[in-house]
């Protein structure tokens, strides 16, 4: 089991290295004729490379730019110049390195200040709405709980103006607590 993993690891490393070597075989920009692989020289002294195989091969002339001292390729059939090697993949227009910029300040909210205020007040508004709904429910179905009209029995006043205490209820055992025990 371990030897199989090791062999797979070695095989993967070899494949990665060979793919890297093939990818770097054709560069996107050359500065001298010696750097261009498989370059050929015609009878008139013009350098060229062949792209493709057999009868469908296209000849690209290799020319050095005098201003930048870089090598570019000209398609013989269309006379279209290009800087990258036609045998390799064309370079992408995207930049190779990506700069990640971390903002120092938090971004400003995209919503209006009224929306931000409503969202900030949402818990308070929900609490107030729930309380109002409970009061409305009690008003409709149980108005006596909100505004009692009868006096409660334990709040009746004695003829002398004093409030009568409510009588103790519960079991009258000999526990000394006047009927208020844990099992009552």
N, C-alpha and C. Protein backbone atom coordinates (compact mmCIF):
# COMPACT_ATOMS: atom_id res chain seq x y z
N UNK A 1 0.84 -1.19 0.00
CA UNK A 1 0.00 0.00 0.00
C UNK A 1 0.87 1.25 0.00
N UNK A 2 1.88 1.27 0.86
CA UNK A 2 2.76 2.43 0.93
C UNK A 2 3.62 2.54 -0.33
N UNK A 3 4.05 1.40 -0.86
CA UNK A 3 4.88 1.45 -2.07
C UNK A 3 4.06 1.93 -3.27
N UNK A 4 2.75 1.59 -3.31
CA UNK A 4 1.90 2.06 -4.39
C UNK A 4 1.74 3.58 -4.32
N UNK A 5 1.57 4.09 -3.11
CA UNK A 5 1.45 5.54 -2.94
C UNK A 5 2.74 6.24 -3.36
N UNK A 6 3.86 5.66 -2.99
CA UNK A 6 5.15 6.24 -3.34
C UNK A 6 5.32 6.26 -4.85
N UNK A 7 4.94 5.15 -5.52
CA UNK A 7 5.07 5.09 -6.98
C UNK A 7 4.16 6.13 -7.65
N UNK A 8 2.93 6.29 -7.11
CA UNK A 8 2.02 7.31 -7.65
C UNK A 8 2.59 8.72 -7.45
N UNK A 9 3.21 8.95 -6.29
CA UNK A 9 3.81 10.24 -6.01
C UNK A 9 4.97 10.53 -6.96
N UNK A 10 5.82 9.52 -7.20
CA UNK A 10 6.95 9.69 -8.11
C UNK A 10 6.45 9.92 -9.53
N UNK A 11 5.43 9.16 -9.94
CA UNK A 11 4.87 9.31 -11.28
C UNK A 11 4.25 10.71 -11.46
N UNK A 12 3.55 11.19 -10.43
CA UNK A 12 2.97 12.53 -10.50
C UNK A 12 4.04 13.60 -10.59
N UNK A 13 5.13 13.44 -9.84
CA UNK A 13 6.23 14.42 -9.90
C UNK A 13 6.88 14.43 -11.28
N UNK A 14 7.08 13.25 -11.86
CA UNK A 14 7.68 13.17 -13.19
C UNK A 14 6.78 13.84 -14.22
N UNK A 15 5.46 13.59 -14.13
CA UNK A 15 4.54 14.20 -15.08
C UNK A 15 4.52 15.72 -14.93
N UNK A 16 4.56 16.20 -13.70
CA UNK A 16 4.57 17.65 -13.50
C UNK A 16 5.85 18.27 -14.06
N UNK A 17 6.97 17.64 -13.82
CA UNK A 17 8.24 18.18 -14.33
C UNK A 17 8.30 18.14 -15.85
N UNK A 18 7.78 17.06 -16.45
CA UNK A 18 7.81 16.98 -17.91
C UNK A 18 6.85 18.01 -18.52
N UNK A 19 5.70 18.23 -17.89
CA UNK A 19 4.77 19.25 -18.40
C UNK A 19 5.38 20.63 -18.27
N UNK A 20 6.12 20.86 -17.20
CA UNK A 20 6.77 22.16 -17.02
C UNK A 20 7.85 22.37 -18.07
N UNK A 21 8.59 21.33 -18.37
CA UNK A 21 9.63 21.45 -19.39
C UNK A 21 9.02 21.72 -20.76
N UNK A 22 7.90 21.04 -21.07
CA UNK A 22 7.25 21.28 -22.36
C UNK A 22 6.66 22.68 -22.43
N UNK A 23 6.16 23.17 -21.31
CA UNK A 23 5.56 24.49 -21.32
C UNK A 23 6.60 25.57 -21.52
N UNK A 24 7.82 25.36 -21.01
CA UNK A 24 8.87 26.37 -21.16
C UNK A 24 9.68 26.18 -22.43
N UNK A 25 9.31 25.22 -23.26
CA UNK A 25 10.04 24.99 -24.50
C UNK A 25 9.88 26.19 -25.43
N UNK A 26 8.67 26.79 -25.48
CA UNK A 26 8.41 27.94 -26.33
C UNK A 26 8.08 29.12 -25.43
N UNK A 27 8.90 30.14 -25.45
CA UNK A 27 8.68 31.33 -24.64
C UNK A 27 7.77 32.29 -25.39
N UNK A 28 7.33 33.29 -24.69
CA UNK A 28 6.48 34.28 -25.33
C UNK A 28 7.28 35.42 -25.92
N UNK A 29 8.54 35.59 -25.48
CA UNK A 29 9.33 36.70 -25.99
C UNK A 29 10.80 36.27 -26.04
N UNK A 30 11.42 36.43 -27.21
CA UNK A 30 12.83 36.08 -27.40
C UNK A 30 13.61 37.36 -27.68
N UNK A 31 14.90 37.34 -27.30
CA UNK A 31 15.75 38.51 -27.55
C UNK A 31 16.86 38.22 -28.56
N UNK A 32 17.12 36.94 -28.84
CA UNK A 32 18.14 36.62 -29.85
C UNK A 32 17.69 35.40 -30.65
N UNK A 33 18.30 35.22 -31.83
CA UNK A 33 17.93 34.10 -32.70
C UNK A 33 18.34 32.77 -32.08
N UNK A 34 19.38 32.76 -31.27
CA UNK A 34 19.85 31.51 -30.67
C UNK A 34 18.86 30.95 -29.66
N UNK A 35 18.02 31.81 -29.06
CA UNK A 35 17.04 31.34 -28.08
C UNK A 35 15.87 30.61 -28.74
N UNK A 36 15.57 30.89 -29.97
CA UNK A 36 14.41 30.30 -30.64
C UNK A 36 14.75 28.85 -30.98
N UNK A 37 13.98 27.86 -30.45
CA UNK A 37 14.28 26.46 -30.77
C UNK A 37 13.83 26.10 -32.18
N UNK A 38 14.52 25.18 -32.80
CA UNK A 38 14.20 24.63 -34.14
C UNK A 38 14.12 25.71 -35.21
N UNK A 39 14.95 26.73 -35.13
CA UNK A 39 14.96 27.77 -36.15
C UNK A 39 15.78 27.27 -37.35
N UNK A 40 15.31 27.59 -38.54
CA UNK A 40 16.00 27.18 -39.78
C UNK A 40 16.37 28.43 -40.57
N UNK A 41 17.38 28.26 -41.41
CA UNK A 41 17.84 29.38 -42.23
C UNK A 41 17.63 29.03 -43.70
N UNK A 42 16.97 29.94 -44.43
CA UNK A 42 16.70 29.71 -45.86
C UNK A 42 17.97 30.04 -46.66
N UNK A 43 17.91 29.76 -47.99
CA UNK A 43 19.07 30.03 -48.88
C UNK A 43 19.40 31.51 -48.95
N UNK A 44 18.37 32.36 -48.83
CA UNK A 44 18.62 33.79 -48.93
C UNK A 44 19.05 34.40 -47.58
N UNK A 45 19.18 33.58 -46.53
CA UNK A 45 19.62 34.06 -45.23
C UNK A 45 18.47 34.40 -44.28
N UNK A 46 17.24 34.30 -44.75
CA UNK A 46 16.08 34.59 -43.90
C UNK A 46 15.83 33.42 -42.95
N UNK A 47 15.62 33.70 -41.66
CA UNK A 47 15.35 32.66 -40.67
C UNK A 47 13.85 32.42 -40.60
N UNK A 48 13.46 31.18 -40.34
CA UNK A 48 12.04 30.84 -40.26
C UNK A 48 11.85 29.62 -39.35
N UNK A 49 10.60 29.41 -38.94
CA UNK A 49 10.20 28.22 -38.20
C UNK A 49 8.97 27.66 -38.90
N UNK A 50 8.80 26.35 -38.81
CA UNK A 50 7.64 25.68 -39.42
C UNK A 50 6.66 25.32 -38.31
N UNK A 51 5.39 25.67 -38.50
CA UNK A 51 4.33 25.36 -37.54
C UNK A 51 3.42 24.35 -38.19
N UNK A 52 3.22 23.22 -37.54
CA UNK A 52 2.41 22.15 -38.09
C UNK A 52 3.28 21.13 -38.78
N UNK A 53 2.65 20.07 -39.29
CA UNK A 53 3.41 18.99 -39.94
C UNK A 53 2.82 18.70 -41.32
N UNK A 54 3.65 18.22 -42.18
CA UNK A 54 3.21 17.77 -43.51
C UNK A 54 2.86 18.92 -44.42
N UNK A 55 1.83 18.67 -45.27
CA UNK A 55 1.44 19.66 -46.27
C UNK A 55 0.74 20.86 -45.64
N UNK A 56 0.18 20.69 -44.44
CA UNK A 56 -0.54 21.78 -43.78
C UNK A 56 0.36 22.69 -42.95
N UNK A 57 1.68 22.52 -43.06
CA UNK A 57 2.60 23.32 -42.25
C UNK A 57 2.64 24.76 -42.76
N UNK A 58 2.77 25.69 -41.84
CA UNK A 58 2.83 27.11 -42.17
C UNK A 58 4.21 27.63 -41.80
N UNK A 59 4.75 28.45 -42.65
CA UNK A 59 6.08 29.02 -42.40
C UNK A 59 5.90 30.40 -41.75
N UNK A 60 6.66 30.62 -40.68
CA UNK A 60 6.70 31.91 -40.00
C UNK A 60 8.13 32.44 -40.09
N UNK A 61 8.29 33.63 -40.62
CA UNK A 61 9.61 34.25 -40.68
C UNK A 61 9.96 34.80 -39.31
N UNK A 62 11.23 34.69 -38.94
CA UNK A 62 11.70 35.19 -37.65
C UNK A 62 12.49 36.46 -37.92
N UNK A 63 12.06 37.57 -37.32
CA UNK A 63 12.64 38.89 -37.59
C UNK A 63 12.96 39.54 -36.25
N UNK A 64 14.07 40.30 -36.21
CA UNK A 64 14.45 41.02 -35.00
C UNK A 64 14.06 42.48 -35.16
N UNK A 65 13.35 42.98 -34.15
CA UNK A 65 12.93 44.38 -34.16
C UNK A 65 14.11 45.26 -33.76
N UNK A 66 14.35 46.31 -34.51
CA UNK A 66 15.50 47.17 -34.25
C UNK A 66 15.28 48.08 -33.04
N UNK A 67 14.07 48.50 -32.83
CA UNK A 67 13.80 49.43 -31.73
C UNK A 67 13.87 48.73 -30.36
N UNK A 68 13.17 47.59 -30.23
CA UNK A 68 13.11 46.92 -28.93
C UNK A 68 14.11 45.78 -28.78
N UNK A 69 14.78 45.40 -29.85
CA UNK A 69 15.75 44.29 -29.87
C UNK A 69 15.11 42.96 -29.50
N UNK A 70 13.82 42.83 -29.74
CA UNK A 70 13.12 41.57 -29.49
C UNK A 70 12.80 40.89 -30.81
N UNK A 71 12.57 39.56 -30.72
CA UNK A 71 12.26 38.76 -31.91
C UNK A 71 10.74 38.70 -32.08
N UNK A 72 10.26 38.84 -33.30
CA UNK A 72 8.85 38.63 -33.60
C UNK A 72 8.71 37.75 -34.83
N UNK A 73 7.52 37.21 -35.03
CA UNK A 73 7.25 36.22 -36.07
C UNK A 73 6.23 36.78 -37.05
N UNK A 74 6.46 36.53 -38.36
CA UNK A 74 5.55 36.99 -39.40
C UNK A 74 5.06 35.77 -40.16
N UNK A 75 3.74 35.63 -40.23
CA UNK A 75 3.12 34.54 -40.98
C UNK A 75 3.34 34.79 -42.47
N UNK A 76 3.89 33.78 -43.17
CA UNK A 76 4.19 33.93 -44.60
C UNK A 76 2.91 34.08 -45.42
N UNK A 77 1.85 33.37 -45.05
CA UNK A 77 0.63 33.38 -45.84
C UNK A 77 -0.16 34.68 -45.65
N UNK A 78 -0.26 35.16 -44.41
CA UNK A 78 -1.11 36.33 -44.14
C UNK A 78 -0.32 37.60 -43.86
N UNK A 79 0.97 37.50 -43.69
CA UNK A 79 1.85 38.63 -43.36
C UNK A 79 1.45 39.30 -42.05
N UNK A 80 0.89 38.51 -41.15
CA UNK A 80 0.47 39.05 -39.84
C UNK A 80 1.60 38.86 -38.83
N UNK A 81 2.10 39.93 -38.22
CA UNK A 81 3.16 39.79 -37.22
C UNK A 81 2.59 39.44 -35.85
N UNK A 82 3.39 38.75 -35.05
CA UNK A 82 3.02 38.44 -33.67
C UNK A 82 4.29 38.30 -32.84
N UNK A 83 4.20 38.65 -31.56
CA UNK A 83 5.37 38.63 -30.70
C UNK A 83 5.63 37.25 -30.11
N UNK A 84 4.59 36.48 -29.82
CA UNK A 84 4.79 35.18 -29.18
C UNK A 84 5.10 34.11 -30.22
N UNK A 85 5.72 33.03 -29.77
CA UNK A 85 6.08 31.91 -30.64
C UNK A 85 4.80 31.25 -31.13
N UNK A 86 4.59 31.10 -32.44
CA UNK A 86 3.33 30.52 -32.94
C UNK A 86 3.19 29.05 -32.62
N UNK A 87 4.26 28.37 -32.25
CA UNK A 87 4.16 26.94 -31.92
C UNK A 87 3.64 26.72 -30.51
N UNK A 88 3.72 27.72 -29.67
CA UNK A 88 3.22 27.61 -28.29
C UNK A 88 1.87 28.28 -28.15
N UNK A 89 1.35 28.23 -26.94
CA UNK A 89 0.06 28.86 -26.68
C UNK A 89 0.22 30.36 -26.62
N UNK A 90 -0.79 31.07 -27.09
CA UNK A 90 -0.75 32.53 -27.05
C UNK A 90 -0.88 32.99 -25.60
N UNK A 91 -0.14 34.02 -25.23
CA UNK A 91 -0.27 34.51 -23.85
C UNK A 91 -1.62 35.16 -23.65
N UNK A 92 -2.11 35.06 -22.43
CA UNK A 92 -3.41 35.64 -22.13
C UNK A 92 -3.26 37.13 -21.92
N UNK A 93 -4.36 37.84 -22.11
CA UNK A 93 -4.34 39.29 -21.93
C UNK A 93 -4.38 39.68 -20.47
N UNK A 94 -4.70 38.72 -19.60
CA UNK A 94 -4.80 39.01 -18.18
C UNK A 94 -3.40 39.18 -17.59
N UNK A 95 -3.27 40.03 -16.60
CA UNK A 95 -1.97 40.16 -15.95
C UNK A 95 -1.63 38.89 -15.18
N UNK A 96 -0.36 38.57 -15.12
CA UNK A 96 0.06 37.33 -14.47
C UNK A 96 -0.02 37.41 -12.95
N UNK A 97 0.28 38.57 -12.40
CA UNK A 97 0.20 38.70 -10.95
C UNK A 97 -1.05 39.50 -10.60
N UNK A 98 -1.64 39.14 -9.50
CA UNK A 98 -2.87 39.79 -9.06
C UNK A 98 -2.56 40.48 -7.73
N UNK A 99 -2.73 41.80 -7.71
CA UNK A 99 -2.51 42.55 -6.48
C UNK A 99 -3.79 42.53 -5.66
N UNK A 100 -3.66 42.09 -4.43
CA UNK A 100 -4.81 42.07 -3.53
C UNK A 100 -4.70 43.30 -2.64
N UNK A 101 -5.69 44.17 -2.74
CA UNK A 101 -5.70 45.39 -1.95
C UNK A 101 -6.71 45.21 -0.82
N UNK A 102 -6.23 45.38 0.38
CA UNK A 102 -7.10 45.27 1.55
C UNK A 102 -7.55 46.69 1.91
N UNK A 103 -8.86 46.92 1.96
CA UNK A 103 -9.31 48.28 2.28
C UNK A 103 -9.00 48.63 3.73
N UNK A 104 -8.53 49.85 3.93
CA UNK A 104 -8.22 50.30 5.28
C UNK A 104 -9.50 50.69 6.00
N UNK A 105 -10.40 51.37 5.31
CA UNK A 105 -11.66 51.77 5.90
C UNK A 105 -12.74 50.80 5.46
N UNK A 106 -13.73 50.55 6.31
CA UNK A 106 -14.84 49.69 5.85
C UNK A 106 -15.62 50.40 4.76
N UNK A 107 -16.17 49.65 3.83
CA UNK A 107 -16.92 50.30 2.75
C UNK A 107 -18.18 50.98 3.28
N UNK A 108 -18.55 52.07 2.62
CA UNK A 108 -19.74 52.79 3.04
C UNK A 108 -20.98 51.98 2.68
N UNK A 109 -22.03 52.06 3.50
CA UNK A 109 -23.24 51.29 3.18
C UNK A 109 -23.86 51.77 1.89
N UNK A 110 -24.37 50.85 1.12
CA UNK A 110 -25.00 51.19 -0.15
C UNK A 110 -26.47 51.57 0.02
N UNK A 111 -27.02 51.28 1.20
CA UNK A 111 -28.42 51.59 1.45
C UNK A 111 -28.55 53.02 1.98
N UNK A 112 -29.76 53.54 1.95
CA UNK A 112 -29.99 54.88 2.47
C UNK A 112 -29.93 54.85 4.00
N UNK A 113 -29.78 56.01 4.60
CA UNK A 113 -29.70 56.08 6.06
C UNK A 113 -31.03 55.69 6.70
N UNK A 114 -32.14 55.93 6.01
CA UNK A 114 -33.44 55.52 6.54
C UNK A 114 -33.53 54.00 6.66
N UNK A 115 -33.04 53.29 5.65
CA UNK A 115 -33.05 51.82 5.69
C UNK A 115 -32.17 51.31 6.81
N UNK A 116 -31.01 51.91 6.99
CA UNK A 116 -30.11 51.48 8.06
C UNK A 116 -30.76 51.72 9.41
N UNK A 117 -31.46 52.85 9.59
CA UNK A 117 -32.13 53.15 10.85
C UNK A 117 -33.25 52.15 11.13
N UNK A 118 -34.02 51.80 10.10
CA UNK A 118 -35.12 50.84 10.29
C UNK A 118 -34.57 49.46 10.68
N UNK A 119 -33.49 49.05 10.04
CA UNK A 119 -32.91 47.75 10.38
C UNK A 119 -32.34 47.76 11.79
N UNK A 120 -31.75 48.88 12.21
CA UNK A 120 -31.21 48.97 13.56
C UNK A 120 -32.32 48.97 14.60
N UNK A 121 -33.47 49.54 14.26
CA UNK A 121 -34.59 49.61 15.20
C UNK A 121 -35.49 48.38 15.14
N UNK A 122 -35.19 47.43 14.29
CA UNK A 122 -36.07 46.29 14.09
C UNK A 122 -36.37 45.51 15.37
N UNK A 123 -35.40 45.18 16.23
CA UNK A 123 -35.76 44.45 17.46
C UNK A 123 -36.72 45.23 18.35
N UNK A 124 -36.53 46.55 18.45
CA UNK A 124 -37.42 47.36 19.28
C UNK A 124 -38.82 47.41 18.67
N UNK A 125 -38.87 47.56 17.35
CA UNK A 125 -40.16 47.60 16.67
C UNK A 125 -40.90 46.26 16.79
N UNK A 126 -40.18 45.16 16.71
CA UNK A 126 -40.83 43.85 16.87
C UNK A 126 -41.37 43.67 18.28
N UNK A 127 -40.62 44.10 19.29
CA UNK A 127 -41.09 43.98 20.67
C UNK A 127 -42.34 44.83 20.89
N UNK A 128 -42.32 46.08 20.39
CA UNK A 128 -43.47 46.97 20.56
C UNK A 128 -44.68 46.42 19.80
N UNK A 129 -44.46 45.89 18.61
CA UNK A 129 -45.57 45.32 17.85
C UNK A 129 -46.16 44.10 18.51
N UNK A 130 -45.31 43.25 19.07
CA UNK A 130 -45.81 42.07 19.79
C UNK A 130 -46.60 42.44 21.02
N UNK A 131 -46.13 43.45 21.75
CA UNK A 131 -46.86 43.91 22.94
C UNK A 131 -48.21 44.50 22.54
N UNK A 132 -48.23 45.31 21.50
CA UNK A 132 -49.49 45.90 21.03
C UNK A 132 -50.46 44.82 20.56
N UNK A 133 -49.95 43.78 19.93
CA UNK A 133 -50.83 42.70 19.47
C UNK A 133 -51.42 41.94 20.65
N UNK A 134 -50.62 41.73 21.69
CA UNK A 134 -51.16 41.04 22.88
C UNK A 134 -52.23 41.88 23.57
N UNK A 135 -52.00 43.17 23.69
CA UNK A 135 -52.99 44.04 24.32
C UNK A 135 -54.27 44.06 23.49
N UNK A 136 -54.15 44.11 22.16
CA UNK A 136 -55.34 44.10 21.30
C UNK A 136 -56.10 42.78 21.44
N UNK A 137 -55.37 41.68 21.53
CA UNK A 137 -56.03 40.37 21.70
C UNK A 137 -56.79 40.32 23.02
N UNK A 138 -56.13 40.79 24.09
CA UNK A 138 -56.81 40.79 25.39
C UNK A 138 -58.00 41.74 25.39
N UNK A 139 -57.90 42.86 24.70
CA UNK A 139 -59.01 43.81 24.64
C UNK A 139 -60.22 43.19 23.95
N UNK A 140 -59.95 42.40 22.89
CA UNK A 140 -61.07 41.83 22.13
C UNK A 140 -61.71 40.66 22.88
N UNK A 141 -60.91 39.73 23.37
CA UNK A 141 -61.45 38.48 23.92
C UNK A 141 -61.56 38.47 25.44
N UNK A 142 -60.71 39.16 26.17
CA UNK A 142 -60.72 39.14 27.63
C UNK A 142 -60.57 40.57 28.18
N UNK A 143 -61.54 41.43 27.97
CA UNK A 143 -61.38 42.82 28.46
C UNK A 143 -61.37 42.92 29.98
N UNK A 144 -61.94 41.94 30.66
CA UNK A 144 -61.99 41.96 32.13
C UNK A 144 -60.57 41.86 32.73
N UNK A 145 -59.65 41.19 32.00
CA UNK A 145 -58.28 41.09 32.50
C UNK A 145 -57.55 42.43 32.43
N UNK A 146 -57.87 43.23 31.43
CA UNK A 146 -57.20 44.52 31.30
C UNK A 146 -57.82 45.59 32.20
N UNK A 147 -59.17 45.70 32.22
CA UNK A 147 -59.86 46.72 33.00
C UNK A 147 -60.95 46.04 33.83
N UNK A 148 -60.58 45.55 35.02
CA UNK A 148 -61.58 44.86 35.85
C UNK A 148 -62.61 45.85 36.39
N UNK A 149 -63.87 45.42 36.42
CA UNK A 149 -64.93 46.27 36.96
C UNK A 149 -65.30 45.85 38.37
N UNK A 150 -65.17 44.58 38.73
CA UNK A 150 -65.48 44.11 40.07
C UNK A 150 -64.22 44.13 40.91
N UNK A 151 -64.41 44.35 42.19
CA UNK A 151 -63.27 44.27 43.08
C UNK A 151 -62.98 42.81 43.35
N UNK A 152 -61.72 42.51 43.47
CA UNK A 152 -61.37 41.13 43.77
C UNK A 152 -61.69 40.85 45.23
N UNK A 153 -61.93 39.58 45.51
CA UNK A 153 -62.37 39.20 46.85
C UNK A 153 -61.29 39.49 47.90
N UNK A 154 -60.04 39.31 47.54
CA UNK A 154 -58.99 39.52 48.55
C UNK A 154 -58.69 41.00 48.76
N UNK A 155 -59.28 41.89 47.96
CA UNK A 155 -59.04 43.32 48.12
C UNK A 155 -60.25 44.06 48.72
N UNK A 156 -61.21 43.32 49.20
CA UNK A 156 -62.37 43.99 49.80
C UNK A 156 -61.95 44.70 51.09
N UNK A 157 -62.54 45.84 51.25
CA UNK A 157 -62.20 46.61 52.44
C UNK A 157 -63.19 46.32 53.57
N UNK A 158 -62.65 46.35 54.73
CA UNK A 158 -63.50 46.17 55.93
C UNK A 158 -64.27 47.48 56.18
N UNK A 159 -65.29 47.41 56.99
CA UNK A 159 -66.05 48.65 57.26
C UNK A 159 -65.18 49.76 57.88
N UNK A 160 -64.11 49.39 58.51
CA UNK A 160 -63.26 50.41 59.13
C UNK A 160 -62.26 51.01 58.15
N UNK A 161 -62.23 50.57 56.93
CA UNK A 161 -61.32 51.12 55.94
C UNK A 161 -60.05 50.31 55.77
N UNK A 162 -59.90 49.29 56.61
CA UNK A 162 -58.70 48.47 56.51
C UNK A 162 -58.93 47.32 55.54
N UNK A 163 -57.83 46.84 54.93
CA UNK A 163 -57.92 45.73 54.01
C UNK A 163 -57.87 44.44 54.80
N UNK A 164 -58.84 43.57 54.56
CA UNK A 164 -58.87 42.30 55.27
C UNK A 164 -57.79 41.38 54.71
N UNK A 165 -57.04 40.71 55.54
CA UNK A 165 -56.08 39.75 55.02
C UNK A 165 -56.77 38.51 54.50
N UNK A 166 -56.19 37.90 53.50
CA UNK A 166 -56.78 36.68 52.94
C UNK A 166 -56.47 35.52 53.87
N UNK A 167 -57.40 34.59 53.97
CA UNK A 167 -57.22 33.45 54.85
C UNK A 167 -56.19 32.49 54.26
N UNK A 168 -55.48 31.83 55.19
CA UNK A 168 -54.50 30.84 54.77
C UNK A 168 -55.23 29.61 54.28
N UNK A 169 -54.72 29.05 53.18
CA UNK A 169 -55.32 27.82 52.65
C UNK A 169 -54.27 26.74 52.63
N UNK A 170 -54.68 25.52 52.56
CA UNK A 170 -53.76 24.41 52.49
C UNK A 170 -54.02 23.43 53.61
N UNK A 171 -53.15 22.44 53.73
CA UNK A 171 -53.32 21.41 54.75
C UNK A 171 -52.91 21.98 56.10
N UNK A 172 -53.69 21.66 57.09
CA UNK A 172 -53.40 22.13 58.43
C UNK A 172 -52.74 21.00 59.23
N UNK A 173 -51.53 20.66 58.84
CA UNK A 173 -50.80 19.62 59.56
C UNK A 173 -50.09 20.26 60.76
N UNK A 174 -49.49 19.44 61.54
CA UNK A 174 -48.77 19.92 62.72
C UNK A 174 -47.32 20.25 62.34
N UNK A 175 -47.16 21.02 61.28
CA UNK A 175 -45.80 21.35 60.87
C UNK A 175 -45.35 22.70 61.37
N UNK A 176 -46.26 23.47 61.95
CA UNK A 176 -45.87 24.74 62.52
C UNK A 176 -45.77 25.86 61.51
N UNK A 177 -46.15 25.61 60.30
CA UNK A 177 -46.03 26.64 59.27
C UNK A 177 -47.39 27.24 58.90
N UNK A 178 -48.39 26.89 59.62
CA UNK A 178 -49.69 27.47 59.34
C UNK A 178 -50.29 27.01 58.03
N UNK A 179 -50.04 25.77 57.67
CA UNK A 179 -50.62 25.24 56.45
C UNK A 179 -49.78 25.47 55.21
N UNK A 180 -48.65 26.13 55.34
CA UNK A 180 -47.78 26.37 54.19
C UNK A 180 -46.57 25.46 54.28
N UNK A 181 -46.71 24.28 53.78
CA UNK A 181 -45.58 23.35 53.76
C UNK A 181 -45.25 23.00 52.31
N UNK A 182 -44.18 22.27 52.14
CA UNK A 182 -43.73 21.94 50.79
C UNK A 182 -44.68 21.02 50.07
N UNK A 183 -45.48 20.24 50.82
CA UNK A 183 -46.38 19.30 50.16
C UNK A 183 -47.80 19.81 50.07
N UNK A 184 -48.04 21.08 50.25
CA UNK A 184 -49.41 21.58 50.18
C UNK A 184 -49.73 22.10 48.80
